[in-house]
C-alpha atoms as a PDB file:
ATOM      1  CA  MET A   1      -0.026  -0.072   0.525  1.00  0.00           C
ATOM      2  CA  SER A   2       1.407   3.310  -1.036  1.00  0.00           C
ATOM      3  CA  ASP A   3       1.079   6.380   1.155  1.00  0.00           C
ATOM      4  CA  LEU A   4      -1.347   8.816  -0.086  1.00  0.00           C
ATOM      5  CA  PRO A   5      -1.437  12.967   0.803  1.00  0.00           C
ATOM      6  CA  GLY A   6      -2.799  13.162   3.873  1.00  0.00           C
ATOM      7  CA  GLY A   7      -1.148  10.056   5.044  1.00  0.00           C
ATOM      8  CA  ASP A   8      -4.094   8.022   4.052  1.00  0.00           C
ATOM      9  CA  THR A   9      -2.678   4.533   2.488  1.00  0.00           C
ATOM     10  CA  ALA A  10      -4.933   3.132  -0.973  1.00  0.00           C
ATOM     11  CA  GLY A  11      -6.366   0.851   1.510  1.00  0.00           C
ATOM     12  CA  THR A  12      -7.366   2.745   4.463  1.00  0.00           C
ATOM     13  CA  SER A  13      -8.774   5.088   1.250  1.00  0.00           C
ATOM     14  CA  ALA A  14     -11.132   1.793   0.079  1.00  0.00           C
ATOM     15  CA  GLY A  15     -12.133   0.768   3.117  1.00  0.00           C
ATOM     16  CA  ARG A  16     -13.714   4.133   4.177  1.00  0.00           C
ATOM     17  CA  SER A  17     -15.388   3.897   0.904  1.00  0.00           C
ATOM     18  CA  ASP A  18     -16.584   0.954   1.464  1.00  0.00           C
ATOM     19  CA  GLN A  19     -17.965   1.538   4.692  1.00  0.00           C
ATOM     20  CA  ALA A  20     -19.969   4.424   3.730  1.00  0.00           C
ATOM     21  CA  GLN A  21     -21.221   2.761   0.642  1.00  0.00           C
ATOM     22  CA  ALA A  22     -22.523   0.372   3.233  1.00  0.00           C
ATOM     23  CA  HIS A  23     -23.618   3.148   5.599  1.00  0.00           C
ATOM     24  CA  LEU A  24     -25.531   4.218   2.829  1.00  0.00           C
ATOM     25  CA  LEU A  25     -27.313   1.481   1.334  1.00  0.00           C
ATOM     26  CA  LYS A  26     -27.838   0.716   5.386  1.00  0.00           C
ATOM     27  CA  GLN A  27     -30.478   4.669   5.251  1.00  0.00           C
ATOM     28  CA  PHE A  28     -31.776   3.716   1.892  1.00  0.00           C
ATOM     29  CA  ARG A  29     -33.111   0.733   3.151  1.00  0.00           C
ATOM     30  CA  ALA A  30     -34.093   2.617   5.654  1.00  0.00           C
ATOM     31  CA  LEU A  31     -35.996   4.960   4.505  1.00  0.00           C
ATOM     32  CA  SER A  32     -37.767   2.466   2.363  1.00  0.00           C
ATOM     33  CA  ARG A  33     -39.212   0.913   5.398  1.00  0.00           C
ATOM     34  CA  VAL A  34     -40.319   3.464   6.571  1.00  0.00           C
ATOM     35  CA  ASP A  35     -41.788   4.391   3.308  1.00  0.00           C
ATOM     36  CA  ALA A  36     -43.581   0.940   3.446  1.00  0.00           C
ATOM     37  CA  ARG A  37     -44.674   1.536   6.942  1.00  0.00           C
ATOM     38  CA  ARG A  38     -46.235   5.297   6.344  1.00  0.00           C
ATOM     39  CA  ARG A  39     -48.541   3.158   3.112  1.00  0.00           C
ATOM     40  CA  GLN A  40     -49.570   0.051   5.333  1.00  0.00           C
ATOM     41  CA  TRP A  41     -50.472   2.328   8.221  1.00  0.00           C
ATOM     42  CA  LEU A  42     -52.789   4.661   5.099  1.00  0.00           C
ATOM     43  CA  HIS A  43     -54.502   1.629   3.948  1.00  0.00           C
ATOM     44  CA  ARG A  44     -55.223   0.380   7.061  1.00  0.00           C
ATOM     45  CA  ALA A  45     -56.535   3.830   8.402  1.00  0.00           C
ATOM     46  CA  ALA A  46     -57.786   4.899   4.721  1.00  0.00           C
ATOM     47  CA  GLY A  47     -58.564   2.563   2.609  1.00  0.00           C
ATOM     48  CA  VAL A  48     -56.292   3.275   0.133  1.00  0.00           C
ATOM     49  CA  GLY A  49     -53.141   3.156  -1.106  1.00  0.00           C
ATOM     50  CA  GLY A  50     -50.213   5.772  -1.346  1.00  0.00           C
ATOM     51  CA  ALA A  51     -51.031   6.673  -4.562  1.00  0.00           C
ATOM     52  CA  GLN A  52     -54.472   6.908  -3.789  1.00  0.00           C
ATOM     53  CA  ALA A  53     -53.825   8.904  -0.884  1.00  0.00           C
ATOM     54  CA  ALA A  54     -51.526  11.464  -2.867  1.00  0.00           C
ATOM     55  CA  ALA A  55     -54.025  11.403  -6.167  1.00  0.00           C
ATOM     56  CA  LEU A  56     -56.828  12.709  -3.441  1.00  0.00           C
ATOM     57  CA  LEU A  57     -54.442  15.108  -2.003  1.00  0.00           C
ATOM     58  CA  ALA A  58     -53.675  17.423  -5.304  1.00  0.00           C
ATOM     59  CA  ILE A  59     -57.335  16.900  -6.994  1.00  0.00           C
ATOM     60  CA  GLN A  60     -58.469  18.599  -3.658  1.00  0.00           C
ATOM     61  CA  ARG A  61     -55.261  20.684  -4.044  1.00  0.00           C
ATOM     62  CA  LYS A  62     -56.522  21.733  -7.221  1.00  0.00           C
ATOM     63  CA  PRO A  63     -60.222  20.647  -8.984  1.00  0.00           C
ATOM     64  CA  GLY A  64     -60.334  20.386 -12.160  1.00  0.00           C
ATOM     65  CA  MET A  65     -56.740  19.088 -12.645  1.00  0.00           C
ATOM     66  CA  GLY A  66     -57.502  17.348 -15.752  1.00  0.00           C
ATOM     67  CA  VAL A  67     -55.752  13.303 -15.742  1.00  0.00           C
ATOM     68  CA  ASN A  68     -52.473  14.218 -17.425  1.00  0.00           C
ATOM     69  CA  GLU A  69     -51.315  17.822 -14.831  1.00  0.00           C
ATOM     70  CA  LEU A  70     -52.278  14.965 -12.067  1.00  0.00           C
ATOM     71  CA  ALA A  71     -49.481  12.331 -13.481  1.00  0.00           C
ATOM     72  CA  SER A  72     -47.114  15.086 -13.623  1.00  0.00           C
ATOM     73  CA  GLN A  73     -47.863  16.101 -10.185  1.00  0.00           C
ATOM     74  CA  LEU A  74     -47.572  12.454  -9.168  1.00  0.00           C
ATOM     75  CA  ASP A  75     -44.584  11.902 -11.273  1.00  0.00           C
ATOM     76  CA  VAL A  76     -45.769   9.231 -12.661  1.00  0.00           C
ATOM     77  CA  ARG A  77     -47.161   7.818 -16.476  1.00  0.00           C
ATOM     78  CA  GLN A  78     -49.770   9.085 -17.425  1.00  0.00           C
ATOM     79  CA  PRO A  79     -52.083   5.569 -17.697  1.00  0.00           C
ATOM     80  CA  THR A  80     -50.668   5.316 -14.316  1.00  0.00           C
ATOM     81  CA  ALA A  81     -52.121   7.940 -13.113  1.00  0.00           C
ATOM     82  CA  SER A  82     -55.065   7.108 -15.595  1.00  0.00           C
ATOM     83  CA  ASN A  83     -55.708   3.722 -13.271  1.00  0.00           C
ATOM     84  CA  LEU A  84     -55.146   5.060 -10.429  1.00  0.00           C
ATOM     85  CA  VAL A  85     -58.361   7.877 -10.929  1.00  0.00           C
ATOM     86  CA  HIS A  86     -60.617   4.743 -12.493  1.00  0.00           C
ATOM     87  CA  SER A  87     -60.014   3.010  -9.267  1.00  0.00           C
ATOM     88  CA  LEU A  88     -61.031   6.706  -6.748  1.00  0.00           C
ATOM     89  CA  PHE A  89     -64.169   6.294  -9.399  1.00  0.00           C
ATOM     90  CA  GLU A  90     -64.930   3.206  -8.700  1.00  0.00           C
ATOM     91  CA  ARG A  91     -64.485   4.161  -5.379  1.00  0.00           C
ATOM     92  CA  GLY A  92     -67.142   6.833  -5.128  1.00  0.00           C
ATOM     93  CA  LEU A  93     -64.098   8.877  -3.985  1.00  0.00           C
ATOM     94  CA  VAL A  94     -63.727  11.398  -6.593  1.00  0.00           C
ATOM     95  CA  LEU A  95     -65.932  12.488  -9.229  1.00  0.00           C
ATOM     96  CA  ARG A  96     -64.759  12.823 -13.464  1.00  0.00           C
ATOM     97  CA  GLN A  97     -66.859  15.455 -15.075  1.00  0.00           C
ATOM     98  CA  THR A  98     -66.211  15.919 -19.033  1.00  0.00           C
ATOM     99  CA  GLY A  99     -67.192  19.192 -21.201  1.00  0.00           C
ATOM    100  CA  GLY A 100     -67.163  21.528 -23.425  1.00  0.00           C
ATOM    101  CA  ARG A 101     -66.257  19.757 -27.681  1.00  0.00           C
ATOM    102  CA  ASP A 102     -63.727  17.487 -26.876  1.00  0.00           C
ATOM    103  CA  ARG A 103     -65.456  15.097 -24.306  1.00  0.00           C
ATOM    104  CA  ARG A 104     -61.904  13.610 -24.057  1.00  0.00           C
ATOM    105  CA  VAL A 105     -60.434  16.468 -21.483  1.00  0.00           C
ATOM    106  CA  VAL A 106     -61.935  14.956 -17.881  1.00  0.00           C
ATOM    107  CA  ARG A 107     -61.970  17.170 -14.841  1.00  0.00           C
ATOM    108  CA  LEU A 108     -61.397  15.955 -11.910  1.00  0.00           C
ATOM    109  CA  PHE A 109     -63.455  16.340  -8.528  1.00  0.00           C
ATOM    110  CA  ILE A 110     -63.675  15.077  -4.932  1.00  0.00           C
ATOM    111  CA  SER A 111     -66.319  12.932  -4.056  1.00  0.00           C
ATOM    112  CA  SER A 112     -68.527  13.673  -1.036  1.00  0.00           C
ATOM    113  CA  ALA A 113     -66.627  10.735   0.341  1.00  0.00           C
ATOM    114  CA  GLY A 114     -64.279  11.249  -1.074  1.00  0.00           C
ATOM    115  CA  GLN A 115     -63.926  14.722   1.320  1.00  0.00           C
ATOM    116  CA  ALA A 116     -64.755  12.705   4.272  1.00  0.00           C
ATOM    117  CA  LEU A 117     -62.285   9.831   3.864  1.00  0.00           C
ATOM    118  CA  LEU A 118     -59.622  12.948   3.826  1.00  0.00           C
ATOM    119  CA  THR A 119     -61.516  14.540   6.926  1.00  0.00           C
ATOM    120  CA  ARG A 120     -61.971  12.105   9.336  1.00  0.00           C
ATOM    121  CA  THR A 121     -58.118  10.277   7.725  1.00  0.00           C
ATOM    122  CA  PRO A 122     -54.868  12.887   8.811  1.00  0.00           C
ATOM    123  CA  LEU A 123     -53.092  11.411   5.609  1.00  0.00           C
ATOM    124  CA  ARG A 124     -51.497  15.237   5.585  1.00  0.00           C
ATOM    125  CA  GLU A 125     -50.442  14.916   8.615  1.00  0.00           C
ATOM    126  CA  VAL A 126     -49.402  11.245   9.001  1.00  0.00           C
ATOM    127  CA  GLY A 127     -45.492  12.698   8.393  1.00  0.00           C
ATOM    128  CA  GLY A 128     -43.148  10.375   6.479  1.00  0.00           C
ATOM    129  CA  LEU A 129     -40.733  11.290   3.914  1.00  0.00           C
ATOM    130  CA  GLU A 130     -42.737  13.916   2.011  1.00  0.00           C
ATOM    131  CA  ALA A 131     -42.977  15.969   5.782  1.00  0.00           C
ATOM    132  CA  ALA A 132     -39.035  15.344   6.297  1.00  0.00           C
ATOM    133  CA  LEU A 133     -38.065  17.077   3.204  1.00  0.00           C
ATOM    134  CA  GLN A 134     -40.984  19.808   3.456  1.00  0.00           C
ATOM    135  CA  ARG A 135     -39.065  20.660   6.288  1.00  0.00           C
ATOM    136  CA  LEU A 136     -34.862  20.632   5.233  1.00  0.00           C
ATOM    137  CA  ASP A 137     -33.703  23.952   3.980  1.00  0.00           C
ATOM    138  CA  GLY A 138     -34.232  24.767   0.778  1.00  0.00           C
ATOM    139  CA  ALA A 139     -30.763  25.158   0.132  1.00  0.00           C
ATOM    140  CA  LEU A 140     -30.114  21.301   1.820  1.00  0.00           C
ATOM    141  CA  LEU A 141     -33.166  20.345  -0.754  1.00  0.00           C
ATOM    142  CA  HIS A 142     -31.756  21.467  -3.610  1.00  0.00           C
ATOM    143  CA  GLU A 143     -28.140  19.543  -2.834  1.00  0.00           C
ATOM    144  CA  LEU A 144     -29.749  16.399  -1.549  1.00  0.00           C
ATOM    145  CA  GLU A 145     -32.133  16.674  -5.169  1.00  0.00           C
ATOM    146  CA  GLN A 146     -28.945  17.095  -7.358  1.00  0.00           C
ATOM    147  CA  ASP A 147     -27.370  14.312  -5.725  1.00  0.00           C
ATOM    148  CA  LEU A 148     -29.617  11.768  -5.841  1.00  0.00           C
ATOM    149  CA  ALA A 149     -30.786  12.862  -9.937  1.00  0.00           C
ATOM    150  CA  ARG A 150     -26.578  12.175  -9.961  1.00  0.00           C
ATOM    151  CA  LEU A 151     -27.511   8.501  -8.271  1.00  0.00           C
ATOM    152  CA  LEU A 152     -30.259   8.237 -10.611  1.00  0.00           C
ATOM    153  CA  VAL A 153     -28.514   8.618 -13.831  1.00  0.00           C
ATOM    154  CA  ARG A 154     -25.738   6.218 -13.167  1.00  0.00           C
ATOM    155  CA  LEU A 155     -28.616   4.117 -12.266  1.00  0.00           C
ATOM    156  CA  GLY A 156     -30.097   5.139 -16.323  1.00  0.00           C
ATOM    157  CA  LYS A 157     -33.038   5.844 -14.281  1.00  0.00           C
ATOM    158  CA  ALA A 158     -33.278   9.003 -15.731  1.00  0.00           C
ATOM    159  CA  GLN A 159     -30.678  11.375 -18.070  1.00  0.00           C
ATOM    160  CA  PRO A 160     -28.641  14.121 -17.471  1.00  0.00           C
ATOM    161  CA  GLY A 161     -30.390  17.707 -16.574  1.00  0.00           C
ATOM    162  CA  THR A 162     -33.937  16.067 -16.709  1.00  0.00           C
ATOM    163  CA  GLN A 163     -36.985  14.776 -14.302  1.00  0.00           C
ATOM    164  CA  SER A 164     -37.359  11.302 -13.822  1.00  0.00           C
ATOM    165  CA  THR A 165     -40.457   9.385 -14.148  1.00  0.00           C
ATOM    166  CA  LEU A 166     -40.297   5.758 -12.432  1.00  0.00           C
END
């Protein structure tokens, strides 16, 4: 092993890198477990999954949005958003309104049953990853976003400088 600047050796540096990678993987797994527990809680408490809860909250924030806008808000593909809307509609939690000359355009609204569910289940107050991210300092949040974007590029899940839709 040769000495590196600062008195470090190649072996020691590689060992620290391996430890850092192992620690990061452990942290990612912990984040995944927290998110999974939150989704399980939502499903038990409200009878909706995490994606459905996110869709309901997005529609509540902006009544009248379309499926494409919902897909953009949730960072999912349009067919995924359409399937979410269909399941929420079938359960009576959202209303679909078509109008105007283009009958393909559908506007989404929360139904009275959907509003009742949102009122009795504190979906916003559950906490989880979204709440933790909202509490981060803007500069730290930006740095984290950039670092994760680079990681996604390395994983082949995004192109450099673009938003990823997983």
